[in-house]
Amino acid sequence: MLKVHVVAPSEMLKDIPAADLPEKDAEFWHAVAAELQNLITYACAAEEPEIVMWPYHKADSQYIWEFYVNDLALPVRDAHNWHGQNVSQWKYAGAIVLQGGKVSRHH
């Protein structure tokens, strides 16, 4: 069964000061739509998929929405990235970053 934990679109830009919002609103929503499509694509290839896209967290001047697809059928191993996240079940992961009005995607 597919598990989904995704921040509501109405909450994604909530509480971000106007000066920090994307310069081009469409670029932000295109990035969100593209990553949601990627999440769904990777989830379709997993035995027990879990899709996660967190609400943003702020790091200095960056607003960061992290996302990933887990395959919960894979064993949990001692496999961590340099952020300390256990990646043993990951099929796909990344982040959308908003900084200085510019939107970027990272994988």
N, C-alpha and C. Protein backbone atom coordinates (compact mmCIF):
# COMPACT_ATOMS: atom_id res chain seq x y z
N MET A 1 0.84 -1.19 0.00
CA MET A 1 0.00 0.00 0.00
C MET A 1 0.89 1.24 0.00
N LEU A 2 0.56 2.18 -0.83
CA LEU A 2 1.28 3.44 -0.94
C LEU A 2 1.01 4.31 0.29
N LYS A 3 2.09 4.81 0.91
CA LYS A 3 1.97 5.77 2.01
C LYS A 3 2.43 7.12 1.47
N VAL A 4 1.66 8.17 1.78
CA VAL A 4 1.97 9.51 1.27
C VAL A 4 1.92 10.50 2.42
N HIS A 5 2.99 11.27 2.55
CA HIS A 5 3.09 12.34 3.54
C HIS A 5 3.64 13.56 2.79
N VAL A 6 2.74 14.40 2.29
CA VAL A 6 3.14 15.54 1.47
C VAL A 6 2.51 16.80 2.02
N VAL A 7 3.32 17.84 2.16
CA VAL A 7 2.81 19.12 2.62
C VAL A 7 1.76 19.62 1.63
N ALA A 8 0.69 20.19 2.15
CA ALA A 8 -0.37 20.74 1.29
C ALA A 8 0.17 21.94 0.51
N PRO A 9 -0.15 22.03 -0.77
CA PRO A 9 0.32 23.18 -1.55
C PRO A 9 -0.02 24.52 -0.90
N SER A 10 -1.19 24.61 -0.29
CA SER A 10 -1.58 25.87 0.36
C SER A 10 -0.67 26.25 1.52
N GLU A 11 0.09 25.30 2.03
CA GLU A 11 1.00 25.55 3.16
C GLU A 11 2.44 25.80 2.72
N MET A 12 2.75 25.54 1.46
CA MET A 12 4.15 25.55 1.03
C MET A 12 4.80 26.92 1.14
N LEU A 13 4.11 27.97 0.77
CA LEU A 13 4.68 29.32 0.82
C LEU A 13 4.13 30.15 1.98
N LYS A 14 3.29 29.51 2.78
CA LYS A 14 2.68 30.19 3.92
C LYS A 14 3.77 30.64 4.89
N ASP A 15 3.62 31.83 5.40
CA ASP A 15 4.51 32.39 6.43
C ASP A 15 5.87 32.83 5.89
N ILE A 16 6.11 32.73 4.58
CA ILE A 16 7.37 33.25 4.03
C ILE A 16 7.16 34.73 3.74
N PRO A 17 8.05 35.58 4.25
CA PRO A 17 7.88 37.02 4.00
C PRO A 17 7.84 37.34 2.50
N ALA A 18 7.07 38.36 2.14
CA ALA A 18 6.90 38.72 0.73
C ALA A 18 8.24 38.96 0.04
N ALA A 19 9.20 39.53 0.73
CA ALA A 19 10.52 39.81 0.14
C ALA A 19 11.28 38.53 -0.22
N ASP A 20 10.91 37.41 0.40
CA ASP A 20 11.61 36.14 0.15
C ASP A 20 10.88 35.21 -0.81
N LEU A 21 9.68 35.58 -1.23
CA LEU A 21 8.89 34.73 -2.13
C LEU A 21 9.57 34.61 -3.49
N PRO A 22 9.21 33.57 -4.26
CA PRO A 22 9.82 33.40 -5.58
C PRO A 22 9.57 34.60 -6.48
N GLU A 23 10.61 35.00 -7.24
CA GLU A 23 10.46 36.09 -8.20
C GLU A 23 9.44 35.72 -9.27
N LYS A 24 9.49 34.46 -9.69
CA LYS A 24 8.56 33.95 -10.69
C LYS A 24 7.79 32.80 -10.07
N ASP A 25 6.57 33.10 -9.69
CA ASP A 25 5.71 32.12 -9.01
C ASP A 25 5.62 30.82 -9.80
N ALA A 26 5.50 30.92 -11.11
CA ALA A 26 5.35 29.73 -11.95
C ALA A 26 6.57 28.80 -11.85
N GLU A 27 7.76 29.36 -11.69
CA GLU A 27 8.96 28.52 -11.57
C GLU A 27 8.90 27.65 -10.32
N PHE A 28 8.42 28.22 -9.24
CA PHE A 28 8.30 27.44 -8.00
C PHE A 28 7.31 26.29 -8.20
N TRP A 29 6.13 26.61 -8.73
CA TRP A 29 5.10 25.58 -8.89
C TRP A 29 5.48 24.55 -9.94
N HIS A 30 6.25 24.95 -10.94
CA HIS A 30 6.76 23.98 -11.92
C HIS A 30 7.71 23.00 -11.22
N ALA A 31 8.58 23.52 -10.37
CA ALA A 31 9.51 22.65 -9.62
C ALA A 31 8.75 21.68 -8.73
N VAL A 32 7.72 22.17 -8.05
CA VAL A 32 6.91 21.30 -7.19
C VAL A 32 6.23 20.22 -8.02
N ALA A 33 5.62 20.60 -9.13
CA ALA A 33 4.92 19.63 -9.98
C ALA A 33 5.89 18.60 -10.54
N ALA A 34 7.06 19.04 -10.98
CA ALA A 34 8.05 18.11 -11.54
C ALA A 34 8.53 17.12 -10.49
N GLU A 35 8.76 17.60 -9.28
CA GLU A 35 9.24 16.69 -8.23
C GLU A 35 8.13 15.75 -7.77
N LEU A 36 6.90 16.22 -7.72
CA LEU A 36 5.80 15.30 -7.38
C LEU A 36 5.68 14.20 -8.43
N GLN A 37 5.87 14.56 -9.70
CA GLN A 37 5.84 13.55 -10.76
C GLN A 37 6.97 12.55 -10.57
N ASN A 38 8.18 13.03 -10.26
CA ASN A 38 9.31 12.13 -10.00
C ASN A 38 9.03 11.22 -8.82
N LEU A 39 8.46 11.77 -7.77
CA LEU A 39 8.14 10.96 -6.58
C LEU A 39 7.17 9.84 -6.94
N ILE A 40 6.17 10.17 -7.72
CA ILE A 40 5.19 9.16 -8.12
C ILE A 40 5.84 8.11 -9.01
N THR A 41 6.67 8.55 -9.94
CA THR A 41 7.36 7.61 -10.85
C THR A 41 8.21 6.62 -10.07
N TYR A 42 9.01 7.12 -9.14
CA TYR A 42 9.87 6.23 -8.34
C TYR A 42 9.04 5.35 -7.41
N ALA A 43 7.95 5.87 -6.89
CA ALA A 43 7.09 5.08 -6.01
C ALA A 43 6.48 3.90 -6.76
N CYS A 44 6.18 4.09 -8.03
CA CYS A 44 5.60 3.01 -8.83
C CYS A 44 6.57 1.84 -9.01
N ALA A 45 7.86 2.11 -8.85
CA ALA A 45 8.87 1.05 -9.00
C ALA A 45 9.22 0.39 -7.67
N ALA A 46 8.61 0.85 -6.58
CA ALA A 46 8.91 0.29 -5.25
C ALA A 46 7.87 -0.75 -4.86
N GLU A 47 8.31 -1.72 -4.07
CA GLU A 47 7.39 -2.76 -3.60
C GLU A 47 6.41 -2.23 -2.55
N GLU A 48 6.94 -1.49 -1.58
CA GLU A 48 6.12 -0.86 -0.53
C GLU A 48 6.49 0.62 -0.46
N PRO A 49 5.95 1.44 -1.37
CA PRO A 49 6.39 2.83 -1.49
C PRO A 49 5.86 3.76 -0.39
N GLU A 50 6.71 4.69 -0.07
CA GLU A 50 6.35 5.79 0.83
C GLU A 50 6.88 7.08 0.20
N ILE A 51 5.99 8.03 -0.03
CA ILE A 51 6.35 9.33 -0.58
C ILE A 51 6.30 10.36 0.54
N VAL A 52 7.36 11.16 0.65
CA VAL A 52 7.42 12.19 1.69
C VAL A 52 7.91 13.50 1.07
N MET A 53 7.20 14.59 1.34
CA MET A 53 7.67 15.94 1.03
C MET A 53 7.34 16.79 2.25
N TRP A 54 8.38 17.22 2.94
CA TRP A 54 8.23 17.95 4.20
C TRP A 54 7.88 19.41 3.96
N PRO A 55 7.23 20.06 4.94
CA PRO A 55 7.13 21.52 4.90
C PRO A 55 8.55 22.10 4.91
N TYR A 56 8.69 23.34 4.47
CA TYR A 56 10.03 23.91 4.41
C TYR A 56 10.66 24.04 5.79
N HIS A 57 11.98 24.02 5.78
CA HIS A 57 12.73 24.47 6.94
C HIS A 57 13.67 25.56 6.42
N LYS A 58 14.06 26.43 7.30
CA LYS A 58 14.89 27.57 6.91
C LYS A 58 16.32 27.34 7.38
N ALA A 59 17.25 27.58 6.48
CA ALA A 59 18.68 27.52 6.79
C ALA A 59 19.31 28.80 6.26
N ASP A 60 19.66 29.69 7.15
CA ASP A 60 20.15 31.02 6.78
C ASP A 60 19.11 31.69 5.89
N SER A 61 19.45 32.00 4.65
CA SER A 61 18.51 32.68 3.75
C SER A 61 17.78 31.71 2.82
N GLN A 62 17.94 30.42 3.05
CA GLN A 62 17.31 29.42 2.19
C GLN A 62 16.05 28.84 2.84
N TYR A 63 15.05 28.61 2.00
CA TYR A 63 13.86 27.86 2.39
C TYR A 63 13.97 26.53 1.65
N ILE A 64 13.91 25.42 2.37
CA ILE A 64 14.21 24.11 1.80
C ILE A 64 13.06 23.15 2.04
N TRP A 65 12.53 22.58 0.94
CA TRP A 65 11.50 21.54 1.00
C TRP A 65 12.18 20.24 0.62
N GLU A 66 12.39 19.35 1.59
CA GLU A 66 13.03 18.07 1.31
C GLU A 66 11.98 17.03 0.96
N PHE A 67 12.36 16.08 0.10
CA PHE A 67 11.44 15.04 -0.33
C PHE A 67 12.22 13.75 -0.57
N TYR A 68 11.50 12.63 -0.53
CA TYR A 68 12.11 11.35 -0.86
C TYR A 68 11.04 10.29 -1.09
N VAL A 69 11.47 9.21 -1.73
CA VAL A 69 10.65 8.00 -1.86
C VAL A 69 11.42 6.89 -1.18
N ASN A 70 10.78 6.22 -0.25
CA ASN A 70 11.33 5.03 0.39
C ASN A 70 10.67 3.80 -0.20
N ASP A 71 11.40 2.70 -0.20
CA ASP A 71 10.79 1.39 -0.42
C ASP A 71 10.87 0.67 0.91
N LEU A 72 9.75 0.64 1.62
CA LEU A 72 9.72 0.07 2.97
C LEU A 72 9.94 -1.43 2.98
N ALA A 73 9.93 -2.06 1.80
CA ALA A 73 10.22 -3.50 1.71
C ALA A 73 11.72 -3.77 1.82
N LEU A 74 12.54 -2.75 1.60
CA LEU A 74 13.99 -2.92 1.71
C LEU A 74 14.40 -2.93 3.19
N PRO A 75 15.41 -3.71 3.53
CA PRO A 75 15.85 -3.72 4.93
C PRO A 75 16.50 -2.40 5.32
N VAL A 76 16.29 -2.02 6.57
CA VAL A 76 16.97 -0.84 7.10
C VAL A 76 18.39 -1.26 7.47
N ARG A 77 19.35 -0.59 6.87
CA ARG A 77 20.77 -0.87 7.12
C ARG A 77 21.43 0.37 7.71
N ASP A 78 22.65 0.24 8.08
CA ASP A 78 23.43 1.36 8.57
C ASP A 78 24.04 2.08 7.37
N ALA A 79 23.21 2.88 6.69
CA ALA A 79 23.64 3.61 5.50
C ALA A 79 23.16 5.05 5.64
N HIS A 80 24.10 5.95 5.87
CA HIS A 80 23.75 7.35 6.13
C HIS A 80 24.49 8.27 5.16
N ASN A 81 23.83 9.38 4.80
CA ASN A 81 24.49 10.40 4.00
C ASN A 81 25.17 11.40 4.94
N TRP A 82 25.79 12.40 4.37
CA TRP A 82 26.55 13.34 5.20
C TRP A 82 25.65 14.25 6.03
N HIS A 83 24.33 14.21 5.82
CA HIS A 83 23.38 14.92 6.67
C HIS A 83 22.95 14.06 7.86
N GLY A 84 23.40 12.79 7.88
CA GLY A 84 23.02 11.88 8.95
C GLY A 84 21.71 11.17 8.71
N GLN A 85 21.15 11.30 7.50
CA GLN A 85 19.88 10.65 7.18
C GLN A 85 20.14 9.20 6.76
N ASN A 86 19.30 8.30 7.27
CA ASN A 86 19.42 6.90 6.85
C ASN A 86 18.83 6.79 5.45
N VAL A 87 19.64 6.35 4.50
CA VAL A 87 19.24 6.30 3.10
C VAL A 87 19.06 4.87 2.59
N SER A 88 19.03 3.91 3.48
CA SER A 88 19.01 2.51 3.07
C SER A 88 17.74 2.11 2.31
N GLN A 89 16.65 2.85 2.51
CA GLN A 89 15.40 2.52 1.82
C GLN A 89 15.06 3.52 0.71
N TRP A 90 15.90 4.53 0.54
CA TRP A 90 15.61 5.57 -0.44
C TRP A 90 15.68 5.04 -1.86
N LYS A 91 14.72 5.47 -2.68
CA LYS A 91 14.73 5.21 -4.12
C LYS A 91 15.03 6.51 -4.88
N TYR A 92 14.65 7.64 -4.27
CA TYR A 92 14.82 8.95 -4.89
C TYR A 92 14.72 9.98 -3.78
N ALA A 93 15.53 11.04 -3.87
CA ALA A 93 15.49 12.06 -2.83
C ALA A 93 16.06 13.37 -3.38
N GLY A 94 15.69 14.45 -2.72
CA GLY A 94 16.23 15.74 -3.09
C GLY A 94 15.55 16.86 -2.33
N ALA A 95 15.66 18.06 -2.89
CA ALA A 95 15.08 19.24 -2.24
C ALA A 95 14.79 20.32 -3.27
N ILE A 96 13.79 21.10 -2.98
CA ILE A 96 13.53 22.35 -3.70
C ILE A 96 14.03 23.45 -2.77
N VAL A 97 14.82 24.35 -3.32
CA VAL A 97 15.41 25.42 -2.52
C VAL A 97 14.98 26.77 -3.09
N LEU A 98 14.57 27.65 -2.20
CA LEU A 98 14.22 29.02 -2.54
C LEU A 98 15.19 29.92 -1.80
N GLN A 99 15.93 30.73 -2.57
CA GLN A 99 16.90 31.64 -1.96
C GLN A 99 16.99 32.89 -2.82
N GLY A 100 16.78 34.02 -2.18
CA GLY A 100 16.88 35.28 -2.91
C GLY A 100 15.89 35.38 -4.07
N GLY A 101 14.73 34.73 -3.91
CA GLY A 101 13.72 34.77 -4.94
C GLY A 101 13.92 33.76 -6.06
N LYS A 102 15.05 33.05 -6.05
CA LYS A 102 15.37 32.06 -7.08
C LYS A 102 15.03 30.67 -6.59
N VAL A 103 14.52 29.82 -7.50
CA VAL A 103 14.13 28.46 -7.19
C VAL A 103 15.11 27.49 -7.84
N SER A 104 15.57 26.50 -7.08
CA SER A 104 16.44 25.47 -7.64
C SER A 104 16.03 24.10 -7.09
N ARG A 105 16.41 23.08 -7.85
CA ARG A 105 16.12 21.70 -7.45
C ARG A 105 17.45 20.97 -7.28
N HIS A 106 17.52 20.14 -6.22
CA HIS A 106 18.76 19.44 -5.88
C HIS A 106 18.46 17.97 -5.64
N HIS A 107 19.35 17.11 -6.15
CA HIS A 107 19.18 15.65 -5.99
C HIS A 107 20.47 15.03 -5.52
